Protein backbone atom coordinates (compact mmCIF):
# COMPACT_ATOMS: atom_id res chain seq x y z
CA MET A 1 98.90 134.90 121.63
CA ALA A 2 95.75 136.39 123.18
CA PHE A 3 93.77 133.32 122.15
CA CYS A 4 95.63 131.31 124.84
CA VAL A 5 94.52 133.66 127.60
CA GLU A 6 90.91 133.52 126.45
CA GLU A 7 90.82 129.80 127.15
CA LEU A 8 92.95 129.79 130.31
CA ASP A 9 90.98 132.58 131.95
CA LYS A 10 88.05 130.17 132.11
CA ALA A 11 90.06 127.69 134.24
CA THR A 12 92.67 129.56 136.25
CA SER A 13 91.64 127.59 139.32
CA ARG A 14 90.09 124.19 139.92
CA PHE A 15 88.23 122.98 143.02
CA ASN A 16 87.11 119.47 144.00
CA ASP A 17 83.59 118.53 145.04
CA ARG A 18 84.35 119.50 148.69
CA GLY A 19 85.28 123.01 147.69
CA LEU A 20 88.99 122.50 148.30
CA LEU A 21 91.49 123.98 145.89
CA GLU A 22 93.05 121.32 143.65
CA ALA A 23 95.06 123.42 141.20
CA THR A 24 95.93 126.96 140.25
CA ARG A 25 97.14 128.04 136.87
CA SER A 26 99.34 130.82 135.52
CA PHE A 27 100.13 131.76 131.95
CA TYR A 28 102.94 133.71 130.28
CA MET A 29 103.41 134.84 126.69
CA ASP A 30 106.19 136.21 124.51
CA SER A 31 106.84 136.55 120.77
CA ALA A 32 108.08 132.95 120.42
CA GLY A 33 105.32 131.10 122.26
CA CYS A 34 103.58 130.49 125.58
CA THR A 35 104.35 129.08 129.03
CA ASP A 36 101.60 127.45 131.06
CA GLY A 37 102.24 126.86 134.78
CA VAL A 38 99.96 124.70 136.97
CA THR A 39 100.24 124.07 140.73
CA ILE A 40 98.49 120.82 141.61
CA THR A 41 97.65 119.98 145.23
CA SER A 42 95.91 116.64 144.64
CA GLY A 43 95.79 113.89 142.07
CA SER A 44 98.36 112.94 139.44
CA PRO A 45 100.15 115.77 137.62
CA TYR A 46 100.30 113.67 134.43
CA SER A 47 96.53 113.64 134.10
CA THR A 48 96.39 117.42 133.77
CA ILE A 49 98.93 118.13 131.03
CA PRO A 50 99.20 117.12 127.36
CA ASP A 51 102.02 114.99 125.98
CA ILE A 52 104.99 116.66 124.35
CA TRP A 53 104.64 117.37 120.57
CA THR A 54 100.84 117.28 120.88
CA ALA A 55 98.44 120.16 120.38
CA TYR A 56 97.35 122.34 123.30
CA SER A 57 93.70 121.62 122.52
CA VAL A 58 91.34 120.76 119.71
CA THR A 59 90.43 124.44 119.56
CA TYR A 60 94.05 125.49 119.03
CA PRO A 61 95.73 122.68 117.05
CA LEU A 62 98.70 124.85 115.97
CA LEU A 63 99.80 125.51 119.58
CA ILE A 64 102.27 122.64 120.08
CA VAL A 65 103.72 121.42 123.41
CA THR A 66 107.50 121.73 123.06
CA ASN A 67 108.62 121.15 126.64
CA ARG A 68 107.21 120.23 130.06
CA SER A 69 108.61 119.87 133.57
CA ILE A 70 107.11 118.51 136.82
CA THR A 71 108.54 119.32 140.27
CA ARG A 72 107.39 118.45 143.80
CA ASP A 73 106.78 121.40 146.07
CA GLU A 74 109.04 121.80 149.11
CA GLU A 75 106.45 120.57 151.58
CA GLY A 76 105.48 117.57 149.51
CA LEU A 77 101.88 118.67 149.32
CA GLY A 78 101.59 119.01 145.56
CA TRP A 79 103.27 119.40 142.21
CA PHE A 80 104.27 122.33 140.03
CA VAL A 81 103.88 121.63 136.31
CA VAL A 82 105.21 123.89 133.55
CA CYS A 83 104.34 123.35 129.89
CA GLU A 84 105.88 125.38 127.06
CA TYR A 85 104.04 125.86 123.78
CA SER A 86 105.03 127.27 120.41
CA THR A 87 103.26 128.12 117.19
CA GLU A 88 106.60 128.16 115.33
CA LEU A 89 106.62 124.36 115.45
CA ALA A 90 103.14 124.11 114.02
CA SER A 91 101.78 121.02 112.38
CA GLN A 92 102.90 119.35 109.17
CA THR A 93 99.56 120.02 107.51
CA VAL A 94 100.44 123.66 106.79
CA MET A 95 101.78 124.34 103.30
CA ASN A 96 102.96 127.82 102.39
CA VAL A 97 102.53 128.55 98.68
CA GLN A 98 104.26 131.49 96.99
CA MET A 99 103.96 132.42 93.31
CA SER A 100 106.07 134.83 91.26
CA PHE A 101 104.93 135.91 87.78
CA SER A 102 107.35 136.90 85.03
CA ALA A 103 107.96 136.34 81.30
CA GLU A 104 110.49 134.96 78.83
CA ALA A 105 111.27 136.01 75.25
CA LEU A 106 111.25 133.32 72.56
CA ASP A 107 111.72 133.48 68.78
CA THR A 108 108.54 131.86 67.46
CA THR A 109 108.05 133.78 64.19
CA ARG A 110 110.77 132.37 61.92
CA TYR A 111 109.43 131.46 58.44
CA THR A 112 106.07 133.10 59.08
CA LYS A 113 105.13 136.00 56.76
CA TRP A 114 105.20 139.76 56.98
CA MET A 115 101.64 141.10 56.69
CA ASN A 116 102.34 144.07 54.37
CA ALA A 117 105.31 142.79 52.38
CA GLY A 118 104.05 139.22 52.03
CA THR A 119 107.65 137.96 52.34
CA ILE A 120 109.02 135.28 54.64
CA VAL A 121 110.28 136.34 58.08
CA GLU A 122 113.95 135.32 58.26
CA ILE A 123 115.20 137.34 61.22
CA PRO A 124 114.77 136.40 64.90
CA ILE A 125 111.91 138.26 66.59
CA ALA A 126 111.38 137.95 70.33
CA THR A 127 107.86 137.16 71.51
CA VAL A 128 107.02 137.37 75.23
CA TYR A 129 105.47 134.32 76.92
CA PRO A 130 104.33 134.22 80.56
CA LEU A 131 106.14 132.24 83.26
CA LEU A 132 105.14 131.38 86.80
CA GLU A 133 107.54 130.34 89.56
CA MET A 134 105.97 128.52 92.52
CA THR A 135 107.58 127.61 95.83
CA LEU A 136 105.99 125.21 98.32
CA SER A 137 107.24 125.39 101.92
CA TYR A 138 106.28 122.38 104.00
CA LYS A 139 106.91 121.48 107.66
CA ARG A 140 107.46 117.82 108.40
CA GLU A 141 105.77 115.79 111.12
CA TYR A 142 107.73 115.38 114.34
CA GLY A 143 108.81 111.86 115.18
CA SER A 144 107.76 110.61 111.74
CA GLY A 145 111.09 108.90 111.12
CA TRP A 146 112.13 111.44 108.49
CA THR A 147 115.87 111.41 107.79
CA PRO A 148 117.99 113.75 105.63
CA ASP A 149 118.78 110.95 103.15
CA ALA A 150 115.10 110.47 102.34
CA ASP A 151 114.61 113.99 101.00
CA ARG A 152 118.11 114.35 99.57
CA LEU A 153 117.72 111.37 97.25
CA ALA A 154 114.15 112.24 96.26
CA ILE A 155 115.04 115.84 95.45
CA PHE A 156 118.23 114.97 93.56
CA ASN A 157 116.64 112.18 91.51
CA ASN A 158 113.57 114.23 90.51
CA THR A 159 115.06 117.66 89.83
CA GLY A 160 114.55 118.50 86.17
CA LYS A 161 111.40 116.36 85.82
CA LEU A 162 107.83 117.31 84.90
CA ASN A 163 104.58 116.50 86.64
CA ASP A 164 103.08 113.30 85.25
CA ARG A 165 99.57 114.26 86.42
CA LYS A 166 97.59 117.29 87.55
CA PHE A 167 99.46 118.77 90.52
CA TYR A 168 98.51 121.91 92.48
CA GLY A 169 96.06 122.72 89.70
CA PHE A 170 98.70 122.60 86.94
CA GLU A 171 98.09 120.26 84.03
CA LYS A 172 100.39 117.36 83.14
CA GLU A 173 103.89 118.26 81.88
CA THR A 174 103.51 122.02 82.51
CA LEU A 175 105.35 122.09 85.87
CA LEU A 176 109.14 121.67 86.00
CA PHE A 177 110.74 120.77 89.36
CA GLU A 178 113.81 123.01 89.76
CA GLY A 179 115.07 121.71 93.11
CA ALA A 180 114.57 122.45 96.80
CA GLU A 181 116.06 123.74 100.02
CA THR A 182 115.81 121.68 103.23
CA ASP A 183 116.40 122.52 106.88
CA ALA A 184 116.24 120.11 109.82
CA ASP A 185 117.23 119.67 113.46
CA LEU A 186 118.24 116.08 114.26
CA ASN A 187 118.59 114.22 117.53
CA PHE A 188 121.62 112.02 118.18
CA GLN A 189 119.82 109.06 116.59
CA GLY A 190 119.68 110.97 113.29
CA VAL A 191 115.90 111.45 113.40
CA ALA A 192 114.48 114.89 112.70
CA ILE A 193 112.65 116.64 115.52
CA ARG A 194 112.05 119.65 113.28
CA ALA A 195 112.22 119.57 109.52
CA ALA A 196 111.11 121.84 106.71
CA ALA A 197 111.57 121.90 102.94
CA THR A 198 110.96 124.49 100.23
CA TYR A 199 110.31 123.06 96.75
CA LYS A 200 110.73 125.19 93.60
CA PHE A 201 108.70 124.75 90.42
CA LEU A 202 108.52 126.55 87.06
CA TYR A 203 105.25 126.66 85.13
CA ARG A 204 104.71 127.23 81.40
CA ALA A 205 101.31 127.18 79.74
CA ARG A 206 102.20 124.30 77.40
CA SER A 207 104.06 121.03 77.85
CA GLN A 208 107.67 121.74 78.72
CA ASN A 209 108.68 118.80 76.55
CA GLU A 210 107.71 120.96 73.57
CA ALA A 211 109.92 123.51 71.80
CA PHE A 212 109.35 125.80 68.86
CA ARG A 213 110.50 124.23 65.57
CA ALA A 214 111.20 126.41 62.57
CA ALA A 215 110.14 125.18 59.11
CA ARG A 216 112.81 123.36 57.08
CA GLN A 217 114.29 124.99 54.01
CA GLN A 218 114.63 122.96 50.83
CA LEU A 219 118.20 121.89 49.88
CA ASN A 220 119.52 120.73 46.50
CA ALA A 221 121.61 117.63 45.90
CA SER A 222 124.75 119.50 46.97
CA GLY A 223 123.16 120.61 50.24
CA ASP A 224 122.68 124.24 49.20
CA PRO A 225 119.56 126.07 50.45
CA GLN A 226 117.09 126.97 47.73
CA TRP A 227 115.37 130.33 47.08
CA TRP A 228 112.49 131.49 44.92
CA SER A 229 113.89 133.20 41.79
CA ASP A 230 112.65 135.50 39.07
CA ASP A 231 114.64 133.40 36.55
CA PRO A 232 112.14 131.14 34.74
CA THR A 233 114.95 128.57 34.16
CA ALA A 234 115.88 128.37 37.86
CA PRO A 235 114.93 125.27 39.87
CA TYR A 236 112.29 127.31 41.72
CA PRO A 237 110.89 130.14 39.57
CA VAL A 238 108.64 132.43 41.57
CA SER A 239 104.93 131.65 41.35
CA GLY A 240 101.70 132.09 43.29
CA THR A 241 102.12 133.95 46.60
CA HIS A 242 105.87 133.37 46.76
CA LYS A 243 108.21 136.35 46.56
CA VAL A 244 111.58 136.61 44.89
CA GLY A 245 114.33 135.89 47.41
CA ASP A 246 112.10 133.98 49.81
CA PRO A 247 113.49 130.65 51.06
CA VAL A 248 111.91 127.56 49.50
CA LEU A 249 110.43 125.43 52.24
CA VAL A 250 110.08 121.69 51.98
CA SER A 251 106.76 120.46 50.62
CA ASP A 252 106.04 118.24 53.63
CA PRO A 253 102.91 119.74 55.26
CA ILE A 254 104.40 119.41 58.78
CA ALA A 255 108.15 119.91 58.29
CA GLY A 256 107.47 122.81 55.91
CA LYS A 257 105.58 124.77 58.56
CA SER A 258 106.92 126.36 61.78
CA ASP A 259 105.13 125.05 64.86
CA TRP A 260 105.56 123.74 68.40
CA ASP A 261 106.89 120.19 68.48
CA ARG A 262 108.61 117.61 70.72
CA PRO A 263 112.32 116.87 70.33
CA TYR A 264 113.04 113.24 71.18
CA TRP A 265 115.64 110.51 70.98
CA GLU A 266 115.02 106.98 69.77
CA THR A 267 117.13 104.00 70.79
CA ASP A 268 118.99 101.79 68.35
CA THR A 269 117.50 98.63 69.84
CA ASP A 270 113.92 99.83 69.83
CA PRO A 271 113.20 102.70 67.39
CA ALA A 272 109.61 102.80 68.62
CA SER A 273 110.65 103.83 72.14
CA THR A 274 111.15 107.55 72.63
CA MET A 275 112.95 109.73 75.15
CA TYR A 276 111.89 113.33 75.59
CA ARG A 277 113.89 116.18 77.10
CA TYR A 278 112.32 115.80 80.52
CA GLU A 279 111.22 112.63 82.29
CA LEU A 280 107.93 112.62 84.20
CA ALA A 281 107.43 112.14 87.93
CA ASP A 282 104.57 111.82 90.39
CA PHE A 283 105.61 114.76 92.61
CA GLY A 284 103.05 114.11 95.32
CA ALA A 285 104.36 110.57 95.82
CA VAL A 286 108.12 110.89 95.22
CA LEU A 287 108.53 114.19 97.11
CA ASN A 288 105.93 113.38 99.78
CA ILE A 289 104.05 116.64 99.18
CA PRO A 290 100.34 116.79 100.13
CA THR A 291 98.16 117.42 97.08
CA LEU A 292 95.17 119.73 96.74
CA PRO A 293 91.51 118.86 96.15
CA GLY A 294 91.02 118.39 92.41
CA ASP A 295 94.57 117.12 91.82
CA ASP A 296 95.15 113.62 90.50
CA GLU A 297 95.88 111.38 93.49
CA PRO A 298 99.55 110.37 94.00
CA GLY A 299 100.27 106.85 92.83
CA SER A 300 96.97 106.61 90.92
């Protein structure tokens, strides 16, 4: 808290134009914040102290006035003013961002080919893909009218959704909202005087509405899977690059090839309308989270 002393040392006393002492100032510090005491012998005490919940000065905007008291001295000649400050109740513009890097194992090789054998891969093989977990911790503005219901409904209704635009530098549909933790102190009117929330997101490098789709194997009229055979009279005698015992894949150029794809549902009333695994949301707007420069603006 040394920065407080640096400023107060410049004005520990104040004199009027006749050289008479108008005010003296004392300052105390501890690990939680600061206490500023002023003895005023002339003028209004209210003109010398900042309002509660405001910043100590433009120079130190994170030093917030949390309490103040004004008492008359015993002889009635002046006032004693005490203001308490804290950096723990710093402004709502501060966002703490934490990132944790890990990986997940997915089977994305089914129905590809073995390099040396030239046969189809039919067993599951785990491939590692990177993951990133991001948490955003955000302090709310005091006296803003925030209530617990506002965040509770927004968090509940948007958990399990993807970003519908660029958000915190992450491209559309790559960021999954996993939920949040909130903490608030309320007055007896139910309005928060201190509120904070920690939002949790999971990032993957591709759209999280995509999943790996294995190629489809050809079936006969009875529903039996078909295989390439060395019997020239079989439905699928081996030819070209195919190997005996390999599964016969459907001839469709898309369905017959393993690739990333989007699972979806279509409605009976409107087959053209689709529903993907995850709905999209404008996180900046619905969760009231400040965005970063370069992000798509909320509500745009």
